[in-house]
Amino acid sequence: MMRKSILLKGCVRNAALDTRIFSIRRTLAKASAARTDPPDSMINLKQANQTLETNLDSKDARQIVAWAHESFTKGLIMSTSFGIQSAVMLHLVTQVVPDIPVIWVDTGYLPVETYLFAEELTQRLRLNLQVYQSPMSPARMEALYGQLWASQEVEAFNKYDYIRKVEPMQRALQELGATAWLAGLRADQTAHRKTLNVVTQQQDIYKISPILNWTARDVYRYLQTYDLPYHPLFDKGYVSVGDWHSSRPLMADDESDRDTRFRGMKQECGLHLPQTPGEAESLDSSSL
């Protein structure tokens, strides 16, 4: 297991800070030149992905964020789970778009460490945090449906995810007028994510995944370079963390990080899966 990020001081860190403004301006200029028409709310997915492949570096996440900001302006939002490596996307995006709305769906079942981690990053990065929750309290949900997460049926997990995560996220996107959503998905996380392009469409929302082509090593290097923290539970063996009742530390016989979530019954919570009948099958084997 990779060790926690090391504090970096001195010339390397200072050089990165000194060149940040120039780098962002240059990236925005390049993104503007590569802008996909028509702008703002409607783009051609094939053309957009070709643009990122030919005009921009598809692995340069900052360029992709700058392109998204130039293309969607006020309709651009991002989401976070304040998970193990969430500091990467939060830092990367807010260096380019400091006031971007950051949606956090608080399920009411997060570990204490997650709430403390969220507070730390919100203050440090001065996030424009938009917190959304289900209108149904945890107590009411349990009274009506029981402890859905304790069921052996995937359908119960899906119901839980819809009530506590999917509905609040859909409401957030609508209320904030979102036309595009920056997400920290990586192709090496799940089978479903291996099939994605950098720019996709989920119902009426465009989804841009700036670090889709990053590896775990890329994430680690970014955390080191900018002196960013992992989630506190990383030191206790967690490689993925969501709700307290559906997350556990990585074990020697686990085949992937996602085996530590949802008792291995699912890989996706539903937020990053298009809600169509044909893709419902993915919900059963599908991260926050």
C-alpha atoms as a PDB file:
ATOM      1  CA  MET A   1       0.000   0.000   0.000  1.00  0.00           C
ATOM      2  CA  MET A   2       1.293   3.410  -0.883  1.00  0.00           C
ATOM      3  CA  ARG A   3       2.289   5.559   2.037  1.00  0.00           C
ATOM      4  CA  LYS A   4       0.604   8.794   2.998  1.00  0.00           C
ATOM      5  CA  SER A   5       1.741  11.870   1.055  1.00  0.00           C
ATOM      6  CA  ILE A   6       4.972  13.443   2.212  1.00  0.00           C
ATOM      7  CA  LEU A   7       5.240  17.113   3.090  1.00  0.00           C
ATOM      8  CA  LEU A   8       7.217  18.889   0.414  1.00  0.00           C
ATOM      9  CA  LYS A   9       8.929  22.189   1.102  1.00  0.00           C
ATOM     10  CA  GLY A  10      11.431  24.430  -0.610  1.00  0.00           C
ATOM     11  CA  CYS A  11      12.095  25.187  -4.213  1.00  0.00           C
ATOM     12  CA  VAL A  12       9.901  22.513  -5.858  1.00  0.00           C
ATOM     13  CA  ARG A  13       6.746  23.617  -4.080  1.00  0.00           C
ATOM     14  CA  ASN A  14       7.536  27.335  -4.451  1.00  0.00           C
ATOM     15  CA  ALA A  15       8.209  26.973  -8.169  1.00  0.00           C
ATOM     16  CA  ALA A  16       4.836  25.302  -8.657  1.00  0.00           C
ATOM     17  CA  LEU A  17       3.089  28.083  -6.764  1.00  0.00           C
ATOM     18  CA  ASP A  18       4.960  30.838  -8.615  1.00  0.00           C
ATOM     19  CA  THR A  19       4.040  29.503 -12.065  1.00  0.00           C
ATOM     20  CA  ARG A  20       0.400  28.618 -11.291  1.00  0.00           C
ATOM     21  CA  ILE A  21      -1.222  31.850 -12.534  1.00  0.00           C
ATOM     22  CA  PHE A  22       0.786  31.869 -15.762  1.00  0.00           C
ATOM     23  CA  SER A  23       0.003  28.189 -16.371  1.00  0.00           C
ATOM     24  CA  ILE A  24      -3.743  28.654 -15.867  1.00  0.00           C
ATOM     25  CA  ARG A  25      -3.884  31.668 -18.191  1.00  0.00           C
ATOM     26  CA  ARG A  26      -1.986  29.798 -20.885  1.00  0.00           C
ATOM     27  CA  THR A  27      -4.258  26.779 -20.483  1.00  0.00           C
ATOM     28  CA  LEU A  28      -7.401  28.909 -20.738  1.00  0.00           C
ATOM     29  CA  ALA A  29      -6.088  30.523 -23.910  1.00  0.00           C
ATOM     30  CA  LYS A  30      -5.347  27.127 -25.425  1.00  0.00           C
ATOM     31  CA  ALA A  31      -8.724  25.778 -24.352  1.00  0.00           C
ATOM     32  CA  SER A  32     -10.468  28.772 -25.928  1.00  0.00           C
ATOM     33  CA  ALA A  33      -8.731  28.080 -29.234  1.00  0.00           C
ATOM     34  CA  ALA A  34      -9.857  24.446 -29.044  1.00  0.00           C
ATOM     35  CA  ARG A  35     -13.405  25.280 -28.002  1.00  0.00           C
ATOM     36  CA  THR A  36     -16.094  22.986 -29.371  1.00  0.00           C
ATOM     37  CA  ASP A  37     -19.097  24.639 -31.051  1.00  0.00           C
ATOM     38  CA  PRO A  38     -21.879  25.170 -30.217  1.00  0.00           C
ATOM     39  CA  PRO A  39     -20.897  26.433 -26.725  1.00  0.00           C
ATOM     40  CA  ASP A  40     -22.474  26.535 -23.264  1.00  0.00           C
ATOM     41  CA  SER A  41     -25.309  24.016 -23.195  1.00  0.00           C
ATOM     42  CA  MET A  42     -25.002  21.869 -26.345  1.00  0.00           C
ATOM     43  CA  ILE A  43     -21.907  20.138 -27.696  1.00  0.00           C
ATOM     44  CA  ASN A  44     -21.165  17.274 -30.031  1.00  0.00           C
ATOM     45  CA  LEU A  45     -19.773  14.450 -27.884  1.00  0.00           C
ATOM     46  CA  LYS A  46     -17.690  12.876 -30.643  1.00  0.00           C
ATOM     47  CA  GLN A  47     -16.258  16.229 -31.660  1.00  0.00           C
ATOM     48  CA  ALA A  48     -15.542  17.190 -28.038  1.00  0.00           C
ATOM     49  CA  ASN A  49     -13.598  13.997 -27.352  1.00  0.00           C
ATOM     50  CA  GLN A  50     -11.703  14.347 -30.629  1.00  0.00           C
ATOM     51  CA  THR A  51     -10.812  17.914 -29.639  1.00  0.00           C
ATOM     52  CA  LEU A  52      -9.389  16.729 -26.340  1.00  0.00           C
ATOM     53  CA  GLU A  53      -7.439  13.985 -28.107  1.00  0.00           C
ATOM     54  CA  THR A  54      -5.937  16.145 -30.858  1.00  0.00           C
ATOM     55  CA  ASN A  55      -5.799  19.737 -29.570  1.00  0.00           C
ATOM     56  CA  LEU A  56      -5.283  19.097 -25.866  1.00  0.00           C
ATOM     57  CA  ASP A  57      -3.460  16.475 -23.820  1.00  0.00           C
ATOM     58  CA  SER A  58      -6.144  14.021 -22.657  1.00  0.00           C
ATOM     59  CA  LYS A  59      -4.041  13.275 -19.574  1.00  0.00           C
ATOM     60  CA  ASP A  60      -3.534  16.961 -18.676  1.00  0.00           C
ATOM     61  CA  ALA A  61      -6.414  17.368 -16.260  1.00  0.00           C
ATOM     62  CA  ARG A  62      -5.938  21.114 -15.847  1.00  0.00           C
ATOM     63  CA  GLN A  63      -6.314  21.667 -19.582  1.00  0.00           C
ATOM     64  CA  ILE A  64      -9.506  19.614 -19.574  1.00  0.00           C
ATOM     65  CA  VAL A  65     -10.949  21.639 -16.670  1.00  0.00           C
ATOM     66  CA  ALA A  66     -10.057  24.884 -18.462  1.00  0.00           C
ATOM     67  CA  TRP A  67     -11.738  23.632 -21.642  1.00  0.00           C
ATOM     68  CA  ALA A  68     -14.865  22.671 -19.680  1.00  0.00           C
ATOM     69  CA  HIS A  69     -14.989  26.080 -17.979  1.00  0.00           C
ATOM     70  CA  GLU A  70     -14.605  27.868 -21.304  1.00  0.00           C
ATOM     71  CA  SER A  71     -17.296  25.681 -22.899  1.00  0.00           C
ATOM     72  CA  PHE A  72     -19.945  25.657 -20.147  1.00  0.00           C
ATOM     73  CA  THR A  73     -19.141  28.763 -18.028  1.00  0.00           C
ATOM     74  CA  LYS A  74     -21.771  29.164 -15.278  1.00  0.00           C
ATOM     75  CA  GLY A  75     -23.369  25.798 -16.024  1.00  0.00           C
ATOM     76  CA  LEU A  76     -20.268  23.949 -14.836  1.00  0.00           C
ATOM     77  CA  ILE A  77     -20.333  22.284 -11.407  1.00  0.00           C
ATOM     78  CA  MET A  78     -18.356  19.576  -9.649  1.00  0.00           C
ATOM     79  CA  SER A  79     -19.181  16.972  -7.044  1.00  0.00           C
ATOM     80  CA  THR A  80     -17.213  15.441  -4.208  1.00  0.00           C
ATOM     81  CA  SER A  81     -17.658  12.616  -1.729  1.00  0.00           C
ATOM     82  CA  PHE A  82     -14.737  13.778   0.460  1.00  0.00           C
ATOM     83  CA  GLY A  83     -13.379  10.292  -0.073  1.00  0.00           C
ATOM     84  CA  ILE A  84      -9.859   8.904   0.216  1.00  0.00           C
ATOM     85  CA  GLN A  85      -8.335  10.929  -2.643  1.00  0.00           C
ATOM     86  CA  SER A  86     -10.925  13.705  -3.028  1.00  0.00           C
ATOM     87  CA  ALA A  87      -8.351  16.409  -2.283  1.00  0.00           C
ATOM     88  CA  VAL A  88      -6.897  15.880  -5.768  1.00  0.00           C
ATOM     89  CA  MET A  89      -9.967  16.934  -7.761  1.00  0.00           C
ATOM     90  CA  LEU A  90     -10.962  19.646  -5.298  1.00  0.00           C
ATOM     91  CA  HIS A  91      -7.519  21.256  -5.476  1.00  0.00           C
ATOM     92  CA  LEU A  92      -7.031  20.744  -9.218  1.00  0.00           C
ATOM     93  CA  VAL A  93     -10.395  22.197 -10.252  1.00  0.00           C
ATOM     94  CA  THR A  94     -10.419  25.157  -7.863  1.00  0.00           C
ATOM     95  CA  GLN A  95      -6.997  26.256  -9.107  1.00  0.00           C
ATOM     96  CA  VAL A  96      -8.678  26.889 -12.472  1.00  0.00           C
ATOM     97  CA  VAL A  97     -12.239  27.786 -11.366  1.00  0.00           C
ATOM     98  CA  PRO A  98     -11.991  29.011  -7.735  1.00  0.00           C
ATOM     99  CA  ASP A  99     -15.714  29.673  -7.211  1.00  0.00           C
ATOM    100  CA  ILE A 100     -17.138  26.589  -8.922  1.00  0.00           C
ATOM    101  CA  PRO A 101     -20.151  25.141  -7.043  1.00  0.00           C
ATOM    102  CA  VAL A 102     -19.048  21.940  -5.276  1.00  0.00           C
ATOM    103  CA  ILE A 103     -21.943  19.558  -4.601  1.00  0.00           C
ATOM    104  CA  TRP A 104     -21.638  17.274  -1.591  1.00  0.00           C
ATOM    105  CA  VAL A 105     -24.407  14.748  -0.987  1.00  0.00           C
ATOM    106  CA  ASP A 106     -24.425  14.114   2.762  1.00  0.00           C
ATOM    107  CA  THR A 107     -26.183  10.794   3.301  1.00  0.00           C
ATOM    108  CA  GLY A 108     -26.381  11.196   7.072  1.00  0.00           C
ATOM    109  CA  TYR A 109     -24.412   7.956   7.471  1.00  0.00           C
ATOM    110  CA  LEU A 110     -20.865   9.165   6.846  1.00  0.00           C
ATOM    111  CA  PRO A 111     -18.029   8.384   9.274  1.00  0.00           C
ATOM    112  CA  VAL A 112     -17.028  11.082  11.763  1.00  0.00           C
ATOM    113  CA  GLU A 113     -13.663  11.250   9.994  1.00  0.00           C
ATOM    114  CA  THR A 114     -15.361  12.210   6.724  1.00  0.00           C
ATOM    115  CA  TYR A 115     -17.155  15.170   8.293  1.00  0.00           C
ATOM    116  CA  LEU A 116     -13.892  16.393   9.831  1.00  0.00           C
ATOM    117  CA  PHE A 117     -12.028  15.887   6.547  1.00  0.00           C
ATOM    118  CA  ALA A 118     -14.727  17.823   4.689  1.00  0.00           C
ATOM    119  CA  GLU A 119     -14.415  20.736   7.108  1.00  0.00           C
ATOM    120  CA  GLU A 120     -10.624  20.774   6.754  1.00  0.00           C
ATOM    121  CA  LEU A 121     -10.669  20.842   2.948  1.00  0.00           C
ATOM    122  CA  THR A 122     -13.551  23.317   2.764  1.00  0.00           C
ATOM    123  CA  GLN A 123     -11.625  25.817   4.865  1.00  0.00           C
ATOM    124  CA  ARG A 124      -8.223  25.194   3.285  1.00  0.00           C
ATOM    125  CA  LEU A 125      -9.426  25.390  -0.335  1.00  0.00           C
ATOM    126  CA  ARG A 126     -12.194  27.940   0.334  1.00  0.00           C
ATOM    127  CA  LEU A 127     -14.737  25.743  -1.393  1.00  0.00           C
ATOM    128  CA  ASN A 128     -18.069  27.043  -2.631  1.00  0.00           C
ATOM    129  CA  LEU A 129     -19.684  24.022  -0.977  1.00  0.00           C
ATOM    130  CA  GLN A 130     -23.310  23.175  -1.721  1.00  0.00           C
ATOM    131  CA  VAL A 131     -24.576  20.486   0.683  1.00  0.00           C
ATOM    132  CA  TYR A 132     -27.594  18.396  -0.318  1.00  0.00           C
ATOM    133  CA  GLN A 133     -29.424  15.724   1.665  1.00  0.00           C
ATOM    134  CA  SER A 134     -32.427  13.479   1.207  1.00  0.00           C
ATOM    135  CA  PRO A 135     -35.723  15.015   2.386  1.00  0.00           C
ATOM    136  CA  MET A 136     -36.275  11.713   4.212  1.00  0.00           C
ATOM    137  CA  SER A 137     -34.314  11.588   7.464  1.00  0.00           C
ATOM    138  CA  PRO A 138     -32.284   8.466   8.285  1.00  0.00           C
ATOM    139  CA  ALA A 139     -34.651   7.696  11.194  1.00  0.00           C
ATOM    140  CA  ARG A 140     -37.746   7.918   8.990  1.00  0.00           C
ATOM    141  CA  MET A 141     -36.173   5.801   6.255  1.00  0.00           C
ATOM    142  CA  GLU A 142     -35.264   3.074   8.737  1.00  0.00           C
ATOM    143  CA  ALA A 143     -38.758   3.169  10.262  1.00  0.00           C
ATOM    144  CA  LEU A 144     -40.365   2.687   6.842  1.00  0.00           C
ATOM    145  CA  TYR A 145     -37.919   0.343   5.143  1.00  0.00           C
ATOM    146  CA  GLY A 146     -35.603  -1.012   7.819  1.00  0.00           C
ATOM    147  CA  GLN A 147     -31.826  -0.996   7.524  1.00  0.00           C
ATOM    148  CA  LEU A 148     -31.655  -1.317   3.756  1.00  0.00           C
ATOM    149  CA  TRP A 149     -27.865  -1.634   3.750  1.00  0.00           C
ATOM    150  CA  ALA A 150     -28.077  -4.793   5.875  1.00  0.00           C
ATOM    151  CA  SER A 151     -30.112  -6.632   3.265  1.00  0.00           C
ATOM    152  CA  GLN A 152     -28.652  -9.394   1.090  1.00  0.00           C
ATOM    153  CA  GLU A 153     -30.639  -8.095  -1.874  1.00  0.00           C
ATOM    154  CA  VAL A 154     -29.036  -5.709  -4.364  1.00  0.00           C
ATOM    155  CA  GLU A 155     -32.445  -4.082  -4.878  1.00  0.00           C
ATOM    156  CA  ALA A 156     -32.386  -2.908  -1.256  1.00  0.00           C
ATOM    157  CA  PHE A 157     -28.976  -1.293  -1.799  1.00  0.00           C
ATOM    158  CA  ASN A 158     -30.291   0.393  -4.934  1.00  0.00           C
ATOM    159  CA  LYS A 159     -33.284   1.760  -3.031  1.00  0.00           C
ATOM    160  CA  TYR A 160     -30.967   3.077  -0.328  1.00  0.00           C
ATOM    161  CA  ASP A 161     -28.711   4.709  -2.929  1.00  0.00           C
ATOM    162  CA  TYR A 162     -31.641   6.356  -4.685  1.00  0.00           C
ATOM    163  CA  ILE A 163     -33.099   7.820  -1.479  1.00  0.00           C
ATOM    164  CA  ARG A 164     -29.864   8.994   0.094  1.00  0.00           C
ATOM    165  CA  LYS A 165     -27.675   9.815  -2.941  1.00  0.00           C
ATOM    166  CA  VAL A 166     -29.265   9.837  -6.374  1.00  0.00           C
ATOM    167  CA  GLU A 167     -32.366  11.942  -5.628  1.00  0.00           C
ATOM    168  CA  PRO A 168     -30.414  14.648  -3.725  1.00  0.00           C
ATOM    169  CA  MET A 169     -27.839  14.813  -6.544  1.00  0.00           C
ATOM    170  CA  GLN A 170     -30.503  15.105  -9.233  1.00  0.00           C
ATOM    171  CA  ARG A 171     -32.153  17.906  -7.242  1.00  0.00           C
ATOM    172  CA  ALA A 172     -28.809  19.687  -6.805  1.00  0.00           C
ATOM    173  CA  LEU A 173     -28.077  19.585 -10.540  1.00  0.00           C
ATOM    174  CA  GLN A 174     -31.504  20.998 -11.308  1.00  0.00           C
ATOM    175  CA  GLU A 175     -31.478  23.751  -8.673  1.00  0.00           C
ATOM    176  CA  LEU A 176     -27.960  24.893  -9.588  1.00  0.00           C
ATOM    177  CA  GLY A 177     -28.801  24.982 -13.299  1.00  0.00           C
ATOM    178  CA  ALA A 178     -26.004  22.566 -14.116  1.00  0.00           C
ATOM    179  CA  THR A 179     -25.290  21.772 -17.745  1.00  0.00           C
ATOM    180  CA  ALA A 180     -21.947  20.051 -17.141  1.00  0.00           C
ATOM    181  CA  TRP A 181     -20.540  18.088 -14.228  1.00  0.00           C
ATOM    182  CA  LEU A 182     -16.861  17.583 -13.402  1.00  0.00           C
ATOM    183  CA  ALA A 183     -16.346  14.195 -11.767  1.00  0.00           C
ATOM    184  CA  GLY A 184     -13.238  12.460 -10.426  1.00  0.00           C
ATOM    185  CA  LEU A 185     -13.829   9.142 -12.177  1.00  0.00           C
ATOM    186  CA  ARG A 186     -10.858   7.018 -13.245  1.00  0.00           C
ATOM    187  CA  ALA A 187     -10.941   4.275 -15.859  1.00  0.00           C
ATOM    188  CA  ASP A 188      -9.028   1.861 -13.629  1.00  0.00           C
ATOM    189  CA  GLN A 189     -11.673   1.945 -10.866  1.00  0.00           C
ATOM    190  CA  THR A 190     -14.542  -0.163 -12.262  1.00  0.00           C
ATOM    191  CA  ALA A 191     -15.486  -2.114 -15.379  1.00  0.00           C
ATOM    192  CA  HIS A 192     -18.139   0.472 -16.234  1.00  0.00           C
ATOM    193  CA  ARG A 193     -15.625   3.331 -16.054  1.00  0.00           C
ATOM    194  CA  LYS A 194     -13.241   1.596 -18.458  1.00  0.00           C
ATOM    195  CA  THR A 195     -15.879   2.143 -21.151  1.00  0.00           C
ATOM    196  CA  LEU A 196     -16.128   5.917 -20.651  1.00  0.00           C
ATOM    197  CA  ASN A 197     -14.763   8.805 -22.697  1.00  0.00           C
ATOM    198  CA  VAL A 198     -13.510  11.988 -21.042  1.00  0.00           C
ATOM    199  CA  VAL A 199     -16.755  13.716 -22.100  1.00  0.00           C
ATOM    200  CA  THR A 200     -19.999  11.773 -21.798  1.00  0.00           C
ATOM    201  CA  GLN A 201     -23.668  12.613 -21.392  1.00  0.00           C
ATOM    202  CA  GLN A 202     -25.916  11.456 -18.552  1.00  0.00           C
ATOM    203  CA  GLN A 203     -29.502  12.356 -19.334  1.00  0.00           C
ATOM    204  CA  ASP A 204     -29.407  16.158 -19.924  1.00  0.00           C
ATOM    205  CA  ILE A 205     -26.054  16.720 -18.199  1.00  0.00           C
ATOM    206  CA  TYR A 206     -22.634  16.542 -19.809  1.00  0.00           C
ATOM    207  CA  LYS A 207     -20.079  14.814 -17.608  1.00  0.00           C
ATOM    208  CA  ILE A 208     -16.381  15.610 -17.874  1.00  0.00           C
ATOM    209  CA  SER A 209     -13.825  13.365 -16.172  1.00  0.00           C
ATOM    210  CA  PRO A 210     -10.479  15.246 -16.138  1.00  0.00           C
ATOM    211  CA  ILE A 211      -8.516  12.468 -14.422  1.00  0.00           C
ATOM    212  CA  LEU A 212     -10.142   9.571 -16.288  1.00  0.00           C
ATOM    213  CA  ASN A 213      -6.792   8.498 -17.746  1.00  0.00           C
ATOM    214  CA  TRP A 214      -4.817   8.928 -14.520  1.00  0.00           C
ATOM    215  CA  THR A 215      -3.389   6.011 -12.585  1.00  0.00           C
ATOM    216  CA  ALA A 216      -3.117   5.585  -8.821  1.00  0.00           C
ATOM    217  CA  ARG A 217       0.525   6.660  -9.192  1.00  0.00           C
ATOM    218  CA  ASP A 218      -0.547   9.921 -10.867  1.00  0.00           C
ATOM    219  CA  VAL A 219      -2.905  10.624  -7.972  1.00  0.00           C
ATOM    220  CA  TYR A 220      -0.194   9.919  -5.418  1.00  0.00           C
ATOM    221  CA  ARG A 221       2.283  12.216  -7.161  1.00  0.00           C
ATOM    222  CA  TYR A 222      -0.262  15.039  -7.266  1.00  0.00           C
ATOM    223  CA  LEU A 223      -0.969  14.696  -3.555  1.00  0.00           C
ATOM    224  CA  GLN A 224       2.757  14.828  -2.832  1.00  0.00           C
ATOM    225  CA  THR A 225       3.454  17.799  -5.076  1.00  0.00           C
ATOM    226  CA  TYR A 226       0.787  19.991  -3.508  1.00  0.00           C
ATOM    227  CA  ASP A 227       1.069  18.705   0.068  1.00  0.00           C
ATOM    228  CA  LEU A 228      -2.525  17.453   0.064  1.00  0.00           C
ATOM    229  CA  PRO A 229      -3.926  14.963   2.577  1.00  0.00           C
ATOM    230  CA  TYR A 230      -5.569  11.603   2.143  1.00  0.00           C
ATOM    231  CA  HIS A 231      -8.778  10.930   4.054  1.00  0.00           C
ATOM    232  CA  PRO A 232      -7.910  10.089   7.713  1.00  0.00           C
ATOM    233  CA  LEU A 233      -9.188   6.518   7.309  1.00  0.00           C
ATOM    234  CA  PHE A 234      -6.455   5.830   4.751  1.00  0.00           C
ATOM    235  CA  ASP A 235      -4.075   5.255   7.665  1.00  0.00           C
ATOM    236  CA  LYS A 236      -6.446   2.588   8.970  1.00  0.00           C
ATOM    237  CA  GLY A 237      -6.333   0.535   5.795  1.00  0.00           C
ATOM    238  CA  TYR A 238      -9.238   2.055   3.865  1.00  0.00           C
ATOM    239  CA  VAL A 239      -8.680   2.550   0.129  1.00  0.00           C
ATOM    240  CA  SER A 240     -12.272   3.610  -0.553  1.00  0.00           C
ATOM    241  CA  VAL A 241     -14.754   5.092   1.887  1.00  0.00           C
ATOM    242  CA  GLY A 242     -18.427   5.964   1.749  1.00  0.00           C
ATOM    243  CA  ASP A 243     -21.074   5.385   4.410  1.00  0.00           C
ATOM    244  CA  TRP A 244     -19.860   3.870   7.684  1.00  0.00           C
ATOM    245  CA  HIS A 245     -22.003   0.754   7.332  1.00  0.00           C
ATOM    246  CA  SER A 246     -20.862  -0.101   3.796  1.00  0.00           C
ATOM    247  CA  SER A 247     -17.103   0.543   3.925  1.00  0.00           C
ATOM    248  CA  ARG A 248     -14.274  -1.473   5.441  1.00  0.00           C
ATOM    249  CA  PRO A 249     -10.470  -1.690   5.271  1.00  0.00           C
ATOM    250  CA  LEU A 250      -8.776  -3.532   2.418  1.00  0.00           C
ATOM    251  CA  MET A 251      -8.095  -7.210   3.153  1.00  0.00           C
ATOM    252  CA  ALA A 252      -5.422  -9.505   1.733  1.00  0.00           C
ATOM    253  CA  ASP A 253      -7.929 -11.582  -0.254  1.00  0.00           C
ATOM    254  CA  ASP A 254      -9.743  -8.630  -1.853  1.00  0.00           C
ATOM    255  CA  GLU A 255      -9.447  -8.602  -5.636  1.00  0.00           C
ATOM    256  CA  SER A 256     -10.027  -4.852  -5.996  1.00  0.00           C
ATOM    257  CA  ASP A 257     -10.565  -1.673  -3.979  1.00  0.00           C
ATOM    258  CA  ARG A 258     -14.278  -1.843  -4.707  1.00  0.00           C
ATOM    259  CA  ASP A 259     -14.584  -5.123  -2.789  1.00  0.00           C
ATOM    260  CA  THR A 260     -14.376  -2.994   0.367  1.00  0.00           C
ATOM    261  CA  ARG A 261     -17.642  -1.219  -0.479  1.00  0.00           C
ATOM    262  CA  PHE A 262     -21.250  -2.469  -0.337  1.00  0.00           C
ATOM    263  CA  ARG A 263     -19.959  -5.866   0.940  1.00  0.00           C
ATOM    264  CA  GLY A 264     -18.656  -6.481  -2.587  1.00  0.00           C
ATOM    265  CA  MET A 265     -22.219  -6.629  -3.966  1.00  0.00           C
ATOM    266  CA  LYS A 266     -21.897  -3.436  -6.024  1.00  0.00           C
ATOM    267  CA  GLN A 267     -19.209  -1.238  -7.519  1.00  0.00           C
ATOM    268  CA  GLU A 268     -21.247   1.897  -8.255  1.00  0.00           C
ATOM    269  CA  CYS A 269     -23.618   3.796  -5.972  1.00  0.00           C
ATOM    270  CA  GLY A 270     -25.719   5.001  -8.907  1.00  0.00           C
ATOM    271  CA  LEU A 271     -24.617   8.630  -9.176  1.00  0.00           C
ATOM    272  CA  HIS A 272     -22.339   7.908 -12.108  1.00  0.00           C
ATOM    273  CA  LEU A 273     -24.611   5.562 -14.019  1.00  0.00           C
ATOM    274  CA  PRO A 274     -27.097   6.821 -16.629  1.00  0.00           C
ATOM    275  CA  GLN A 275     -30.591   5.993 -15.446  1.00  0.00           C
ATOM    276  CA  THR A 276     -31.818   3.932 -18.389  1.00  0.00           C
ATOM    277  CA  PRO A 277     -33.183   0.362 -18.357  1.00  0.00           C
ATOM    278  CA  GLY A 278     -30.341  -0.892 -20.520  1.00  0.00           C
ATOM    279  CA  GLU A 279     -27.751   0.281 -18.017  1.00  0.00           C
ATOM    280  CA  ALA A 280     -29.602  -0.833 -14.896  1.00  0.00           C
ATOM    281  CA  GLU A 281     -27.606  -4.058 -15.007  1.00  0.00           C
ATOM    282  CA  SER A 282     -24.458  -2.039 -14.338  1.00  0.00           C
ATOM    283  CA  LEU A 283     -25.996  -0.748 -11.127  1.00  0.00           C
ATOM    284  CA  ASP A 284     -25.806  -4.266  -9.717  1.00  0.00           C
ATOM    285  CA  SER A 285     -22.068  -4.542 -10.272  1.00  0.00           C
ATOM    286  CA  SER A 286     -21.034  -1.063 -10.279  1.00  0.00           C
ATOM    287  CA  SER A 287     -17.825   4.856  -6.755  1.00  0.00           C
ATOM    288  CA  LEU A 288     -17.909   7.429  -4.632  1.00  0.00           C
END
